[in-house]
């Protein structure tokens, strides 16, 4: 687990124990839920650091965890990951409640929560804007080439090489190259997120085949699908500049089999 996330979760645990003692050990479930919502909607820059330390978080899926009505249907990657962190943290706090006899368990080990607590309105979900990132702005102003730019430049170089001999097959070559240079492993995506936390603002946007992942793609695959699409568009623009792809009267690229073929993540 990320060292930064471990410290954050420990602060939440300490705050939970103290608040329960201060309120006479009342409402252990609601108190735990409220603290998770207050403390664990982590801003983009901090969340990017956490992901860099623990790339496995990119395997998180939305499932039924996203409560914000504005995010539920098409949640940002950052929201998906934070909701998973909150769910795990809530389980941990409820375990603390059981250990302190604030809550009981049944014969099967299930934690029992009072109906009065469950019937009360859940904590309001704070809104985090993952489309803003001071770190991304800072990194953009630094000299040198970003890791993502290096990846795209390598793909462009390979595509240019292939075009020299197969200019008639520019579109299929672009699909092939964008797929081959796609980044999908959490260990490969995490450094890109650390460098540019704005990637946490990406959303599914129906870019991942609904038949894959039961319609609930992991956070990392959402990022990967966007990057692959961006790379494909960049390669197609390059092909147009080289005269390998034509444009219609409106200036749009004319792409053969555009609706039938998409780059594949593998």
Protein backbone atom coordinates (compact mmCIF):
# COMPACT_ATOMS: atom_id res chain seq x y z
CA UNK A 1 0.00 0.00 0.00
CA UNK A 2 1.04 3.60 -0.58
CA UNK A 3 2.87 5.15 2.37
CA UNK A 4 0.94 8.37 1.88
CA UNK A 5 -2.39 6.54 1.82
CA UNK A 6 -1.39 4.55 4.91
CA UNK A 7 -0.76 7.81 6.80
CA UNK A 8 -4.07 9.27 5.65
CA UNK A 9 -6.02 6.17 6.69
CA UNK A 10 -4.31 6.11 10.08
CA UNK A 11 -5.34 9.73 10.67
CA UNK A 12 -8.92 8.80 9.81
CA UNK A 13 -8.79 5.86 12.24
CA UNK A 14 -7.44 8.03 15.06
CA UNK A 15 -10.08 10.69 14.37
CA UNK A 16 -12.79 8.02 14.42
CA UNK A 17 -11.75 6.59 17.79
CA UNK A 18 -11.51 10.06 19.32
CA UNK A 19 -14.88 11.20 17.97
CA UNK A 20 -16.58 8.03 19.19
CA UNK A 21 -15.18 8.60 22.68
CA UNK A 22 -16.27 12.23 22.59
CA UNK A 23 -19.86 11.46 21.51
CA UNK A 24 -20.41 8.70 24.05
CA UNK A 25 -19.91 5.91 21.51
CA UNK A 26 -23.10 6.82 19.65
CA UNK A 27 -23.80 6.21 15.95
CA UNK A 28 -20.67 4.19 15.14
CA UNK A 29 -21.72 3.53 11.55
CA UNK A 30 -22.79 7.06 10.62
CA UNK A 31 -19.71 8.52 12.29
CA UNK A 32 -17.45 6.20 10.31
CA UNK A 33 -19.27 6.94 7.06
CA UNK A 34 -19.15 10.70 7.60
CA UNK A 35 -15.43 10.72 8.40
CA UNK A 36 -14.67 8.69 5.28
CA UNK A 37 -16.56 11.19 3.13
CA UNK A 38 -14.93 14.17 4.84
CA UNK A 39 -11.35 12.88 4.77
CA UNK A 40 -11.04 10.62 1.75
CA UNK A 41 -12.19 12.66 -1.23
CA UNK A 42 -8.54 13.20 -2.08
CA UNK A 43 -7.46 15.97 -4.43
CA UNK A 44 -5.92 15.08 -7.77
CA UNK A 45 -2.28 15.86 -7.01
CA UNK A 46 -2.27 13.87 -3.77
CA UNK A 47 -4.16 11.00 -5.37
CA UNK A 48 -1.64 10.91 -8.22
CA UNK A 49 1.17 10.50 -5.66
CA UNK A 50 -0.74 7.69 -3.99
CA UNK A 51 -1.26 5.90 -7.31
CA UNK A 52 2.42 6.28 -8.17
CA UNK A 53 3.23 4.53 -4.89
CA UNK A 54 0.55 1.88 -5.38
CA UNK A 55 -0.40 1.32 -9.05
CA UNK A 56 -2.78 -1.51 -8.09
CA UNK A 57 -5.34 1.20 -7.30
CA UNK A 58 -5.77 1.56 -11.07
CA UNK A 59 -7.62 -1.77 -11.00
CA UNK A 60 -10.48 -0.09 -9.12
CA UNK A 61 -13.93 -0.16 -10.73
CA UNK A 62 -16.95 2.03 -10.10
CA UNK A 63 -19.30 -0.87 -9.27
CA UNK A 64 -22.09 0.52 -7.05
CA UNK A 65 -19.77 2.74 -5.03
CA UNK A 66 -20.24 6.13 -6.72
CA UNK A 67 -23.03 7.99 -4.87
CA UNK A 68 -22.77 11.46 -6.38
CA UNK A 69 -25.65 11.78 -8.90
CA UNK A 70 -23.46 13.97 -11.07
CA UNK A 71 -20.77 11.31 -11.30
CA UNK A 72 -22.67 8.03 -11.08
CA UNK A 73 -23.35 7.47 -14.79
CA UNK A 74 -19.93 8.52 -16.09
CA UNK A 75 -17.53 8.93 -13.16
CA UNK A 76 -14.07 10.42 -13.41
CA UNK A 77 -11.16 8.05 -12.79
CA UNK A 78 -10.27 9.97 -9.61
CA UNK A 79 -13.81 9.53 -8.28
CA UNK A 80 -13.74 5.79 -8.99
CA UNK A 81 -10.47 5.32 -7.11
CA UNK A 82 -11.49 7.50 -4.15
CA UNK A 83 -14.82 5.68 -3.78
CA UNK A 84 -12.95 2.38 -3.59
CA UNK A 85 -10.58 3.81 -0.99
CA UNK A 86 -13.55 5.05 1.04
CA UNK A 87 -15.29 1.67 0.89
CA UNK A 88 -12.17 -0.12 2.17
CA UNK A 89 -11.65 2.53 4.85
CA UNK A 90 -15.25 2.23 6.02
CA UNK A 91 -14.83 -1.53 6.41
CA UNK A 92 -11.72 -0.88 8.47
CA UNK A 93 -13.47 1.59 10.76
CA UNK A 94 -16.38 -0.77 11.30
CA UNK A 95 -13.88 -3.43 12.33
CA UNK A 96 -12.52 -0.95 14.87
CA UNK A 97 -16.09 -0.43 16.07
CA UNK A 98 -16.52 -4.16 16.60
CA UNK A 99 -13.20 -4.42 18.43
CA UNK A 100 -14.35 -1.66 20.80
CA UNK A 101 -17.84 -3.20 21.27
CA UNK A 102 -19.51 -0.25 19.57
CA UNK A 103 -21.01 -2.68 17.07
CA UNK A 104 -21.78 -6.40 17.23
CA UNK A 105 -21.50 -9.26 14.73
CA UNK A 106 -23.88 -12.11 14.05
CA UNK A 107 -23.02 -15.81 14.10
CA UNK A 108 -21.71 -15.56 10.54
CA UNK A 109 -19.40 -12.70 11.36
CA UNK A 110 -21.50 -10.05 9.64
CA UNK A 111 -21.40 -6.62 11.30
CA UNK A 112 -24.78 -5.57 12.70
CA UNK A 113 -25.81 -1.93 12.29
CA UNK A 114 -28.81 -0.41 14.04
CA UNK A 115 -31.77 0.19 11.73
CA UNK A 116 -32.05 3.78 12.99
CA UNK A 117 -28.53 4.49 11.71
CA UNK A 118 -29.11 2.83 8.36
CA UNK A 119 -32.33 4.77 7.92
CA UNK A 120 -30.70 8.15 8.32
CA UNK A 121 -29.51 10.16 5.34
CA UNK A 122 -25.99 9.36 4.21
CA UNK A 123 -23.24 11.95 4.35
CA UNK A 124 -23.12 14.41 1.49
CA UNK A 125 -20.38 13.70 -1.03
CA UNK A 126 -17.86 16.55 -1.41
CA UNK A 127 -17.05 17.45 -5.00
CA UNK A 128 -13.45 17.16 -6.19
CA UNK A 129 -12.62 18.70 -9.56
CA UNK A 130 -10.12 16.36 -11.18
CA UNK A 131 -9.88 18.61 -14.22
CA UNK A 132 -7.59 20.93 -12.24
CA UNK A 133 -4.05 20.18 -11.14
CA UNK A 134 -1.33 22.59 -9.96
CA UNK A 135 1.22 19.80 -10.39
CA UNK A 136 0.26 19.27 -14.04
CA UNK A 137 0.67 22.99 -14.70
CA UNK A 138 4.01 23.00 -12.91
CA UNK A 139 5.28 19.97 -14.83
CA UNK A 140 4.11 21.42 -18.14
CA UNK A 141 6.35 24.42 -17.54
CA UNK A 142 9.44 22.37 -16.86
CA UNK A 143 12.09 21.91 -19.57
CA UNK A 144 12.34 18.54 -21.26
CA UNK A 145 9.88 16.11 -22.79
CA UNK A 146 7.19 14.37 -20.76
CA UNK A 147 6.98 10.58 -20.61
CA UNK A 148 3.69 10.61 -22.51
CA UNK A 149 5.15 12.83 -25.22
CA UNK A 150 8.11 10.48 -25.53
CA UNK A 151 5.74 7.55 -25.96
CA UNK A 152 3.76 9.34 -28.65
CA UNK A 153 6.93 10.45 -30.43
CA UNK A 154 8.19 6.86 -30.50
CA UNK A 155 4.85 5.75 -31.98
CA UNK A 156 5.01 8.50 -34.59
CA UNK A 157 8.54 7.51 -35.56
CA UNK A 158 7.51 3.88 -36.01
CA UNK A 159 4.40 4.88 -37.94
CA UNK A 160 6.41 7.13 -40.24
CA UNK A 161 8.80 4.28 -40.93
CA UNK A 162 5.95 1.94 -41.81
CA UNK A 163 4.26 4.55 -44.01
CA UNK A 164 7.29 4.79 -46.25
CA UNK A 165 6.62 1.31 -47.59
CA UNK A 166 2.88 0.90 -47.03
CA UNK A 167 1.40 4.32 -47.66
CA UNK A 168 -1.69 2.75 -49.26
CA UNK A 169 -2.57 1.10 -45.94
CA UNK A 170 -2.25 4.20 -43.75
CA UNK A 171 -5.42 3.70 -41.71
CA UNK A 172 -4.79 0.06 -40.80
CA UNK A 173 -1.18 0.91 -39.98
CA UNK A 174 -2.40 3.66 -37.65
CA UNK A 175 -4.71 1.20 -35.89
CA UNK A 176 -1.90 -1.32 -35.58
CA UNK A 177 0.64 1.19 -34.30
CA UNK A 178 -1.70 2.82 -31.78
CA UNK A 179 -2.54 -0.63 -30.41
CA UNK A 180 1.09 -1.70 -30.18
CA UNK A 181 2.04 1.47 -28.31
CA UNK A 182 -1.00 1.42 -26.02
CA UNK A 183 -0.24 1.56 -22.31
CA UNK A 184 -2.54 -0.51 -20.10
CA UNK A 185 -0.49 -2.10 -17.29
CA UNK A 186 -0.95 -0.25 -13.97
CA UNK A 187 2.82 -0.05 -13.47
CA UNK A 188 3.11 1.74 -16.83
CA UNK A 189 0.14 4.06 -16.35
CA UNK A 190 0.97 5.15 -12.78
CA UNK A 191 4.05 7.24 -13.74
CA UNK A 192 2.01 9.01 -16.41
CA UNK A 193 -0.63 9.88 -13.80
CA UNK A 194 2.04 11.10 -11.39
CA UNK A 195 3.43 13.34 -14.12
CA UNK A 196 0.01 14.58 -15.21
CA UNK A 197 -2.74 14.21 -12.57
CA UNK A 198 -5.25 15.61 -15.08
CA UNK A 199 -5.52 12.03 -16.36
CA UNK A 200 -7.61 11.39 -13.23
CA UNK A 201 -10.32 13.57 -14.76
CA UNK A 202 -10.87 11.19 -17.69
CA UNK A 203 -14.21 9.38 -17.82
CA UNK A 204 -15.41 6.16 -19.48
CA UNK A 205 -17.33 8.11 -22.16
CA UNK A 206 -18.39 4.78 -23.71
CA UNK A 207 -14.87 4.36 -25.09
CA UNK A 208 -14.44 0.83 -23.70
CA UNK A 209 -16.44 -1.98 -25.31
CA UNK A 210 -19.45 -2.65 -23.06
CA UNK A 211 -18.88 -6.40 -23.45
CA UNK A 212 -15.51 -6.05 -21.74
CA UNK A 213 -15.23 -5.94 -17.93
CA UNK A 214 -19.01 -6.42 -17.63
CA UNK A 215 -19.48 -2.79 -18.62
CA UNK A 216 -17.50 -1.65 -15.57
CA UNK A 217 -13.94 -0.96 -16.79
CA UNK A 218 -11.04 -0.52 -14.33
CA UNK A 219 -9.75 3.00 -13.83
CA UNK A 220 -6.50 2.19 -15.61
CA UNK A 221 -8.27 0.87 -18.69
CA UNK A 222 -10.32 4.07 -18.90
CA UNK A 223 -7.08 6.07 -19.01
CA UNK A 224 -5.56 3.63 -21.48
CA UNK A 225 -8.53 3.83 -23.85
CA UNK A 226 -8.32 7.62 -23.96
CA UNK A 227 -4.56 7.61 -24.55
CA UNK A 228 -4.91 5.02 -27.32
CA UNK A 229 -7.62 7.10 -28.98
CA UNK A 230 -5.50 10.25 -28.69
CA UNK A 231 -2.53 8.47 -30.23
CA UNK A 232 -4.64 7.10 -33.09
CA UNK A 233 -5.93 10.58 -33.90
CA UNK A 234 -2.38 11.93 -33.85
CA UNK A 235 -1.19 9.22 -36.24
CA UNK A 236 -4.08 9.84 -38.61
CA UNK A 237 -3.26 13.54 -38.67
CA UNK A 238 0.33 12.63 -39.50
CA UNK A 239 -0.89 10.42 -42.34
CA UNK A 240 -2.95 13.29 -43.69
CA UNK A 241 0.05 15.61 -43.59
CA UNK A 242 2.00 13.03 -45.59
CA UNK A 243 -0.78 12.80 -48.15
CA UNK A 244 -1.65 9.21 -47.21
CA UNK A 245 -5.23 10.04 -46.15
CA UNK A 246 -7.64 12.38 -47.89
CA UNK A 247 -10.16 14.82 -46.44
CA UNK A 248 -13.73 15.51 -47.48
CA UNK A 249 -15.11 18.91 -48.45
CA UNK A 250 -15.65 19.73 -44.77
CA UNK A 251 -12.04 19.00 -43.92
CA UNK A 252 -12.75 15.72 -42.14
CA UNK A 253 -10.47 12.75 -42.68
CA UNK A 254 -11.90 10.05 -44.93
CA UNK A 255 -11.32 6.80 -43.06
CA UNK A 256 -12.07 3.36 -44.56
CA UNK A 257 -14.07 1.03 -42.33
CA UNK A 258 -14.13 3.70 -39.64
CA UNK A 259 -17.16 2.25 -37.92
CA UNK A 260 -16.02 -1.34 -38.08
CA UNK A 261 -12.50 -1.18 -36.73
CA UNK A 262 -11.09 0.36 -33.56
CA UNK A 263 -7.65 0.07 -31.96
CA UNK A 264 -7.44 -2.91 -29.64
CA UNK A 265 -5.91 -2.81 -26.17
CA UNK A 266 -3.75 -5.86 -25.60
